[in-house]
Amino acid sequence: DPGHTGRITRISDENPDLLRYLSAEEIDLDAEVEVVGRKPFGGALVVRISNAGRTRDFDLADEVTAALWVHSDHPHAGCTLGDS
């Protein structure tokens, strides 16, 4: 949902290689996340992550996003979260 914001509250520890990748990219607990959009044709989720005073955009595969638990800050204009 583009424009949605939140914080990373949990990271799955099932995949050690993924944990190393996230750590190397400074994608950590309490990092701020904003959904920018999704690449076409079922592509990666584009997110903006702010952590340790640094903000960067990432194209994250579904395998990566499934490992991240994000607590939503609040609904935004056009928010579809929770819609039936």
PDB file of N, CA and C in Angstrom:
ATOM      1  N   ASP A   1       0.851  -1.172   0.000  1.00  0.00           N
ATOM      2  CA  ASP A   1       0.000   0.000   0.000  1.00  0.00           C
ATOM      3  C   ASP A   1       0.898   1.237   0.000  1.00  0.00           C
ATOM      4  N   PRO A   2       1.144   1.865  -1.147  1.00  0.00           N
ATOM      5  CA  PRO A   2       2.044   3.022  -1.206  1.00  0.00           C
ATOM      6  C   PRO A   2       1.664   4.102  -0.208  1.00  0.00           C
ATOM      7  N   GLY A   3       2.680   4.635   0.457  1.00  0.00           N
ATOM      8  CA  GLY A   3       2.481   5.679   1.452  1.00  0.00           C
ATOM      9  C   GLY A   3       2.346   5.164   2.863  1.00  0.00           C
ATOM     10  N   HIS A   4       2.178   3.861   3.018  1.00  0.00           N
ATOM     11  CA  HIS A   4       2.016   3.298   4.362  1.00  0.00           C
ATOM     12  C   HIS A   4       3.347   3.338   5.110  1.00  0.00           C
ATOM     13  N   THR A   5       3.299   3.671   6.387  1.00  0.00           N
ATOM     14  CA  THR A   5       4.515   3.770   7.194  1.00  0.00           C
ATOM     15  C   THR A   5       4.400   2.918   8.447  1.00  0.00           C
ATOM     16  N   GLY A   6       5.550   2.567   8.987  1.00  0.00           N
ATOM     17  CA  GLY A   6       5.595   1.800  10.223  1.00  0.00           C
ATOM     18  C   GLY A   6       7.028   1.584  10.664  1.00  0.00           C
ATOM     19  N   ARG A   7       7.179   0.712  11.657  1.00  0.00           N
ATOM     20  CA  ARG A   7       8.504   0.366  12.187  1.00  0.00           C
ATOM     21  C   ARG A   7       8.657  -1.146  12.204  1.00  0.00           C
ATOM     22  N   ILE A   8       9.881  -1.596  11.952  1.00  0.00           N
ATOM     23  CA  ILE A   8      10.160  -3.029  12.027  1.00  0.00           C
ATOM     24  C   ILE A   8      10.182  -3.430  13.498  1.00  0.00           C
ATOM     25  N   THR A   9       9.303  -4.369  13.865  1.00  0.00           N
ATOM     26  CA  THR A   9       9.207  -4.794  15.263  1.00  0.00           C
ATOM     27  C   THR A   9       9.728  -6.208  15.492  1.00  0.00           C
ATOM     28  N   ARG A  10       9.877  -6.967  14.402  1.00  0.00           N
ATOM     29  CA  ARG A  10      10.388  -8.330  14.530  1.00  0.00           C
ATOM     30  C   ARG A  10      10.980  -8.757  13.196  1.00  0.00           C
ATOM     31  N   ILE A  11      12.026  -9.586  13.265  1.00  0.00           N
ATOM     32  CA  ILE A  11      12.649 -10.146  12.066  1.00  0.00           C
ATOM     33  C   ILE A  11      12.780 -11.648  12.277  1.00  0.00           C
ATOM     34  N   SER A  12      12.269 -12.419  11.329  1.00  0.00           N
ATOM     35  CA  SER A  12      12.362 -13.873  11.426  1.00  0.00           C
ATOM     36  C   SER A  12      13.826 -14.306  11.442  1.00  0.00           C
ATOM     37  N   ASP A  13      14.117 -15.297  12.283  1.00  0.00           N
ATOM     38  CA  ASP A  13      15.494 -15.797  12.364  1.00  0.00           C
ATOM     39  C   ASP A  13      15.640 -17.162  11.685  1.00  0.00           C
ATOM     40  N   GLU A  14      14.683 -17.522  10.828  1.00  0.00           N
ATOM     41  CA  GLU A  14      14.707 -18.837  10.176  1.00  0.00           C
ATOM     42  C   GLU A  14      15.805 -18.983   9.130  1.00  0.00           C
ATOM     43  N   ASN A  15      16.239 -17.881   8.517  1.00  0.00           N
ATOM     44  CA  ASN A  15      17.215 -17.947   7.433  1.00  0.00           C
ATOM     45  C   ASN A  15      18.458 -17.135   7.807  1.00  0.00           C
ATOM     46  N   PRO A  16      19.538 -17.790   8.229  1.00  0.00           N
ATOM     47  CA  PRO A  16      20.749 -17.074   8.637  1.00  0.00           C
ATOM     48  C   PRO A  16      21.336 -16.194   7.526  1.00  0.00           C
ATOM     49  N   ASP A  17      21.257 -16.650   6.265  1.00  0.00           N
ATOM     50  CA  ASP A  17      21.778 -15.838   5.164  1.00  0.00           C
ATOM     51  C   ASP A  17      20.982 -14.546   5.014  1.00  0.00           C
ATOM     52  N   LEU A  18      19.679 -14.633   5.175  1.00  0.00           N
ATOM     53  CA  LEU A  18      18.837 -13.444   5.097  1.00  0.00           C
ATOM     54  C   LEU A  18      19.142 -12.501   6.255  1.00  0.00           C
ATOM     55  N   LEU A  19      19.330 -13.033   7.443  1.00  0.00           N
ATOM     56  CA  LEU A  19      19.686 -12.190   8.593  1.00  0.00           C
ATOM     57  C   LEU A  19      20.994 -11.446   8.341  1.00  0.00           C
ATOM     58  N   ARG A  20      21.975 -12.132   7.763  1.00  0.00           N
ATOM     59  CA  ARG A  20      23.254 -11.476   7.457  1.00  0.00           C
ATOM     60  C   ARG A  20      23.061 -10.367   6.429  1.00  0.00           C
ATOM     61  N   TYR A  21      22.240 -10.628   5.407  1.00  0.00           N
ATOM     62  CA  TYR A  21      21.956  -9.616   4.389  1.00  0.00           C
ATOM     63  C   TYR A  21      21.301  -8.384   5.020  1.00  0.00           C
ATOM     64  N   LEU A  22      20.264  -8.613   5.818  1.00  0.00           N
ATOM     65  CA  LEU A  22      19.562  -7.495   6.450  1.00  0.00           C
ATOM     66  C   LEU A  22      20.499  -6.700   7.346  1.00  0.00           C
ATOM     67  N   SER A  23      21.337  -7.383   8.092  1.00  0.00           N
ATOM     68  CA  SER A  23      22.295  -6.708   8.965  1.00  0.00           C
ATOM     69  C   SER A  23      23.279  -5.871   8.152  1.00  0.00           C
ATOM     70  N   ALA A  24      23.796  -6.432   7.068  1.00  0.00           N
ATOM     71  CA  ALA A  24      24.752  -5.707   6.224  1.00  0.00           C
ATOM     72  C   ALA A  24      24.120  -4.463   5.605  1.00  0.00           C
ATOM     73  N   GLU A  25      22.818  -4.521   5.323  1.00  0.00           N
ATOM     74  CA  GLU A  25      22.104  -3.381   4.733  1.00  0.00           C
ATOM     75  C   GLU A  25      21.539  -2.440   5.798  1.00  0.00           C
ATOM     76  N   GLU A  26      21.807  -2.735   7.063  1.00  0.00           N
ATOM     77  CA  GLU A  26      21.316  -1.934   8.196  1.00  0.00           C
ATOM     78  C   GLU A  26      19.792  -1.876   8.240  1.00  0.00           C
ATOM     79  N   ILE A  27      19.165  -3.003   7.903  1.00  0.00           N
ATOM     80  CA  ILE A  27      17.719  -3.149   8.049  1.00  0.00           C
ATOM     81  C   ILE A  27      17.525  -3.884   9.368  1.00  0.00           C
ATOM     82  N   ASP A  28      17.241  -3.117  10.417  1.00  0.00           N
ATOM     83  CA  ASP A  28      17.240  -3.632  11.780  1.00  0.00           C
ATOM     84  C   ASP A  28      15.918  -3.343  12.480  1.00  0.00           C
ATOM     85  N   LEU A  29      15.781  -3.898  13.677  1.00  0.00           N
ATOM     86  CA  LEU A  29      14.620  -3.594  14.513  1.00  0.00           C
ATOM     87  C   LEU A  29      14.514  -2.094  14.740  1.00  0.00           C
ATOM     88  N   ASP A  30      13.295  -1.603  14.802  1.00  0.00           N
ATOM     89  CA  ASP A  30      12.947  -0.203  15.029  1.00  0.00           C
ATOM     90  C   ASP A  30      13.234   0.712  13.850  1.00  0.00           C
ATOM     91  N   ALA A  31      13.709   0.170  12.730  1.00  0.00           N
ATOM     92  CA  ALA A  31      13.903   0.995  11.538  1.00  0.00           C
ATOM     93  C   ALA A  31      12.539   1.472  11.041  1.00  0.00           C
ATOM     94  N   GLU A  32      12.493   2.704  10.555  1.00  0.00           N
ATOM     95  CA  GLU A  32      11.267   3.255   9.985  1.00  0.00           C
ATOM     96  C   GLU A  32      11.131   2.775   8.545  1.00  0.00           C
ATOM     97  N   VAL A  33       9.910   2.388   8.173  1.00  0.00           N
ATOM     98  CA  VAL A  33       9.640   1.843   6.841  1.00  0.00           C
ATOM     99  C   VAL A  33       8.506   2.632   6.196  1.00  0.00           C
ATOM    100  N   GLU A  34       8.673   2.968   4.924  1.00  0.00           N
ATOM    101  CA  GLU A  34       7.591   3.555   4.134  1.00  0.00           C
ATOM    102  C   GLU A  34       7.479   2.764   2.836  1.00  0.00           C
ATOM    103  N   VAL A  35       6.277   2.324   2.519  1.00  0.00           N
ATOM    104  CA  VAL A  35       6.058   1.610   1.264  1.00  0.00           C
ATOM    105  C   VAL A  35       5.995   2.635   0.138  1.00  0.00           C
ATOM    106  N   VAL A  36       6.854   2.455  -0.864  1.00  0.00           N
ATOM    107  CA  VAL A  36       6.887   3.345  -2.022  1.00  0.00           C
ATOM    108  C   VAL A  36       5.994   2.793  -3.130  1.00  0.00           C
ATOM    109  N   GLY A  37       6.024   1.489  -3.330  1.00  0.00           N
ATOM    110  CA  GLY A  37       5.201   0.861  -4.367  1.00  0.00           C
ATOM    111  C   GLY A  37       5.700  -0.536  -4.661  1.00  0.00           C
ATOM    112  N   ARG A  38       5.270  -1.073  -5.774  1.00  0.00           N
ATOM    113  CA  ARG A  38       5.705  -2.415  -6.189  1.00  0.00           C
ATOM    114  C   ARG A  38       6.129  -2.340  -7.650  1.00  0.00           C
ATOM    115  N   LYS A  39       7.200  -3.048  -7.957  1.00  0.00           N
ATOM    116  CA  LYS A  39       7.652  -3.138  -9.347  1.00  0.00           C
ATOM    117  C   LYS A  39       6.572  -3.852 -10.162  1.00  0.00           C
ATOM    118  N   PRO A  40       6.489  -3.570 -11.465  1.00  0.00           N
ATOM    119  CA  PRO A  40       5.435  -4.169 -12.288  1.00  0.00           C
ATOM    120  C   PRO A  40       5.514  -5.694 -12.383  1.00  0.00           C
ATOM    121  N   PHE A  41       4.389  -6.276 -12.729  1.00  0.00           N
ATOM    122  CA  PHE A  41       4.272  -7.710 -13.015  1.00  0.00           C
ATOM    123  C   PHE A  41       4.652  -8.574 -11.824  1.00  0.00           C
ATOM    124  N   GLY A  42       4.189  -8.175 -10.639  1.00  0.00           N
ATOM    125  CA  GLY A  42       4.443  -8.963  -9.434  1.00  0.00           C
ATOM    126  C   GLY A  42       5.865  -8.860  -8.932  1.00  0.00           C
ATOM    127  N   GLY A  43       6.543  -7.788  -9.286  1.00  0.00           N
ATOM    128  CA  GLY A  43       7.941  -7.605  -8.892  1.00  0.00           C
ATOM    129  C   GLY A  43       8.113  -7.243  -7.432  1.00  0.00           C
ATOM    130  N   ALA A  44       9.306  -6.825  -7.120  1.00  0.00           N
ATOM    131  CA  ALA A  44       9.701  -6.517  -5.745  1.00  0.00           C
ATOM    132  C   ALA A  44       8.889  -5.366  -5.157  1.00  0.00           C
ATOM    133  N   LEU A  45       8.760  -5.390  -3.834  1.00  0.00           N
ATOM    134  CA  LEU A  45       8.155  -4.288  -3.100  1.00  0.00           C
ATOM    135  C   LEU A  45       9.236  -3.230  -2.897  1.00  0.00           C
ATOM    136  N   VAL A  46       8.932  -1.994  -3.253  1.00  0.00           N
ATOM    137  CA  VAL A  46       9.888  -0.898  -3.092  1.00  0.00           C
ATOM    138  C   VAL A  46       9.566  -0.201  -1.778  1.00  0.00           C
ATOM    139  N   VAL A  47      10.549  -0.165  -0.876  1.00  0.00           N
ATOM    140  CA  VAL A  47      10.361   0.459   0.429  1.00  0.00           C
ATOM    141  C   VAL A  47      11.488   1.441   0.699  1.00  0.00           C
ATOM    142  N   ARG A  48      11.175   2.449   1.485  1.00  0.00           N
ATOM    143  CA  ARG A  48      12.162   3.423   1.957  1.00  0.00           C
ATOM    144  C   ARG A  48      12.386   3.113   3.431  1.00  0.00           C
ATOM    145  N   ILE A  49      13.632   2.853   3.794  1.00  0.00           N
ATOM    146  CA  ILE A  49      13.959   2.481   5.168  1.00  0.00           C
ATOM    147  C   ILE A  49      14.917   3.503   5.752  1.00  0.00           C
ATOM    148  N   SER A  50      14.542   4.014   6.926  1.00  0.00           N
ATOM    149  CA  SER A  50      15.377   4.974   7.653  1.00  0.00           C
ATOM    150  C   SER A  50      15.866   4.310   8.921  1.00  0.00           C
ATOM    151  N   ASN A  51      17.194   4.330   9.100  1.00  0.00           N
ATOM    152  CA  ASN A  51      17.792   3.709  10.273  1.00  0.00           C
ATOM    153  C   ASN A  51      19.151   4.342  10.510  1.00  0.00           C
ATOM    154  N   ALA A  52      19.441   4.641  11.750  1.00  0.00           N
ATOM    155  CA  ALA A  52      20.735   5.207  12.140  1.00  0.00           C
ATOM    156  C   ALA A  52      21.048   6.480  11.351  1.00  0.00           C
ATOM    157  N   GLY A  53      20.023   7.324  11.143  1.00  0.00           N
ATOM    158  CA  GLY A  53      20.225   8.601  10.475  1.00  0.00           C
ATOM    159  C   GLY A  53      20.419   8.509   8.970  1.00  0.00           C
ATOM    160  N   ARG A  54      20.146   7.365   8.398  1.00  0.00           N
ATOM    161  CA  ARG A  54      20.350   7.152   6.962  1.00  0.00           C
ATOM    162  C   ARG A  54      19.056   6.622   6.350  1.00  0.00           C
ATOM    163  N   THR A  55      18.665   7.174   5.194  1.00  0.00           N
ATOM    164  CA  THR A  55      17.451   6.737   4.508  1.00  0.00           C
ATOM    165  C   THR A  55      17.825   6.231   3.121  1.00  0.00           C
ATOM    166  N   ARG A  56      17.348   5.013   2.804  1.00  0.00           N
ATOM    167  CA  ARG A  56      17.635   4.419   1.494  1.00  0.00           C
ATOM    168  C   ARG A  56      16.415   3.673   0.988  1.00  0.00           C
ATOM    169  N   ASP A  57      16.316   3.562  -0.337  1.00  0.00           N
ATOM    170  CA  ASP A  57      15.252   2.785  -0.964  1.00  0.00           C
ATOM    171  C   ASP A  57      15.769   1.389  -1.277  1.00  0.00           C
ATOM    172  N   PHE A  58      14.902   0.402  -1.087  1.00  0.00           N
ATOM    173  CA  PHE A  58      15.236  -0.992  -1.354  1.00  0.00           C
ATOM    174  C   PHE A  58      14.138  -1.622  -2.196  1.00  0.00           C
ATOM    175  N   ASP A  59      14.518  -2.509  -3.095  1.00  0.00           N
ATOM    176  CA  ASP A  59      13.583  -3.370  -3.817  1.00  0.00           C
ATOM    177  C   ASP A  59      13.653  -4.725  -3.127  1.00  0.00           C
ATOM    178  N   LEU A  60      12.627  -5.066  -2.356  1.00  0.00           N
ATOM    179  CA  LEU A  60      12.659  -6.285  -1.550  1.00  0.00           C
ATOM    180  C   LEU A  60      11.756  -7.366  -2.135  1.00  0.00           C
ATOM    181  N   ALA A  61      12.330  -8.550  -2.311  1.00  0.00           N
ATOM    182  CA  ALA A  61      11.568  -9.709  -2.779  1.00  0.00           C
ATOM    183  C   ALA A  61      10.583 -10.142  -1.700  1.00  0.00           C
ATOM    184  N   ASP A  62       9.560 -10.872  -2.105  1.00  0.00           N
ATOM    185  CA  ASP A  62       8.554 -11.342  -1.154  1.00  0.00           C
ATOM    186  C   ASP A  62       9.171 -12.170  -0.032  1.00  0.00           C
ATOM    187  N   GLU A  63      10.219 -12.936  -0.331  1.00  0.00           N
ATOM    188  CA  GLU A  63      10.889 -13.733   0.703  1.00  0.00           C
ATOM    189  C   GLU A  63      11.448 -12.840   1.812  1.00  0.00           C
ATOM    190  N   VAL A  64      11.939 -11.673   1.432  1.00  0.00           N
ATOM    191  CA  VAL A  64      12.487 -10.740   2.423  1.00  0.00           C
ATOM    192  C   VAL A  64      11.359 -10.085   3.206  1.00  0.00           C
ATOM    193  N   THR A  65      10.342  -9.591   2.510  1.00  0.00           N
ATOM    194  CA  THR A  65       9.259  -8.897   3.217  1.00  0.00           C
ATOM    195  C   THR A  65       8.506  -9.836   4.151  1.00  0.00           C
ATOM    196  N   ALA A  66       8.430 -11.127   3.796  1.00  0.00           N
ATOM    197  CA  ALA A  66       7.753 -12.095   4.665  1.00  0.00           C
ATOM    198  C   ALA A  66       8.493 -12.292   5.981  1.00  0.00           C
ATOM    199  N   ALA A  67       9.772 -11.963   6.018  1.00  0.00           N
ATOM    200  CA  ALA A  67      10.578 -12.133   7.229  1.00  0.00           C
ATOM    201  C   ALA A  67      10.526 -10.913   8.144  1.00  0.00           C
ATOM    202  N   LEU A  68       9.895  -9.834   7.685  1.00  0.00           N
ATOM    203  CA  LEU A  68       9.849  -8.588   8.455  1.00  0.00           C
ATOM    204  C   LEU A  68       8.442  -8.354   8.993  1.00  0.00           C
ATOM    205  N   TRP A  69       8.338  -8.111  10.288  1.00  0.00           N
ATOM    206  CA  TRP A  69       7.073  -7.702  10.892  1.00  0.00           C
ATOM    207  C   TRP A  69       7.148  -6.195  11.081  1.00  0.00           C
ATOM    208  N   VAL A  70       6.156  -5.502  10.542  1.00  0.00           N
ATOM    209  CA  VAL A  70       6.132  -4.040  10.622  1.00  0.00           C
ATOM    210  C   VAL A  70       4.859  -3.615  11.335  1.00  0.00           C
ATOM    211  N   HIS A  71       5.022  -2.783  12.368  1.00  0.00           N
ATOM    212  CA  HIS A  71       3.870  -2.212  13.074  1.00  0.00           C
ATOM    213  C   HIS A  71       3.511  -0.906  12.387  1.00  0.00           C
ATOM    214  N   SER A  72       2.273  -0.803  11.913  1.00  0.00           N
ATOM    215  CA  SER A  72       1.819   0.385  11.197  1.00  0.00           C
ATOM    216  C   SER A  72       1.742   1.584  12.123  1.00  0.00           C
ATOM    217  N   ASP A  73       2.177   2.743  11.597  1.00  0.00           N
ATOM    218  CA  ASP A  73       2.072   3.986  12.365  1.00  0.00           C
ATOM    219  C   ASP A  73       0.625   4.451  12.432  1.00  0.00           C
ATOM    220  N   HIS A  74      -0.010   4.553  11.269  1.00  0.00           N
ATOM    221  CA  HIS A  74      -1.390   5.029  11.188  1.00  0.00           C
ATOM    222  C   HIS A  74      -1.867   4.905   9.749  1.00  0.00           C
ATOM    223  N   PRO A  75      -3.187   4.912   9.532  1.00  0.00           N
ATOM    224  CA  PRO A  75      -3.704   4.908   8.163  1.00  0.00           C
ATOM    225  C   PRO A  75      -3.348   6.221   7.463  1.00  0.00           C
ATOM    226  N   HIS A  76      -3.373   6.222   6.149  1.00  0.00           N
ATOM    227  CA  HIS A  76      -3.061   7.414   5.369  1.00  0.00           C
ATOM    228  C   HIS A  76      -4.113   7.575   4.282  1.00  0.00           C
ATOM    229  N   ALA A  77      -4.062   8.681   3.575  1.00  0.00           N
ATOM    230  CA  ALA A  77      -5.030   8.916   2.501  1.00  0.00           C
ATOM    231  C   ALA A  77      -4.971   7.778   1.493  1.00  0.00           C
ATOM    232  N   GLY A  78      -6.097   7.183   1.193  1.00  0.00           N
ATOM    233  CA  GLY A  78      -6.163   6.087   0.236  1.00  0.00           C
ATOM    234  C   GLY A  78      -5.725   4.743   0.788  1.00  0.00           C
ATOM    235  N   CYS A  79      -5.547   4.643   2.094  1.00  0.00           N
ATOM    236  CA  CYS A  79      -5.074   3.405   2.719  1.00  0.00           C
ATOM    237  C   CYS A  79      -6.071   2.276   2.468  1.00  0.00           C
ATOM    238  N   THR A  80      -5.535   1.110   2.067  1.00  0.00           N
ATOM    239  CA  THR A  80      -6.390  -0.049   1.827  1.00  0.00           C
ATOM    240  C   THR A  80      -6.204  -1.123   2.883  1.00  0.00           C
ATOM    241  N   LEU A  81      -5.315  -0.904   3.829  1.00  0.00           N
ATOM    242  CA  LEU A  81      -5.107  -1.885   4.892  1.00  0.00           C
ATOM    243  C   LEU A  81      -6.386  -2.036   5.689  1.00  0.00           C
ATOM    244  N   GLY A  82      -6.815  -3.249   5.866  1.00  0.00           N
ATOM    245  CA  GLY A  82      -8.017  -3.491   6.651  1.00  0.00           C
ATOM    246  C   GLY A  82      -9.297  -3.446   5.840  1.00  0.00           C
ATOM    247  N   ASP A  83      -9.203  -3.045   4.549  1.00  0.00           N
ATOM    248  CA  ASP A  83     -10.402  -3.067   3.706  1.00  0.00           C
ATOM    249  C   ASP A  83     -10.796  -4.507   3.419  1.00  0.00           C
ATOM    250  N   SER A  84     -12.070  -4.741   3.317  1.00  0.00           N
ATOM    251  CA  SER A  84     -12.543  -6.096   2.993  1.00  0.00           C
ATOM    252  C   SER A  84     -12.733  -6.246   1.517  1.00  0.00           C
TER     253      SER A  84
END
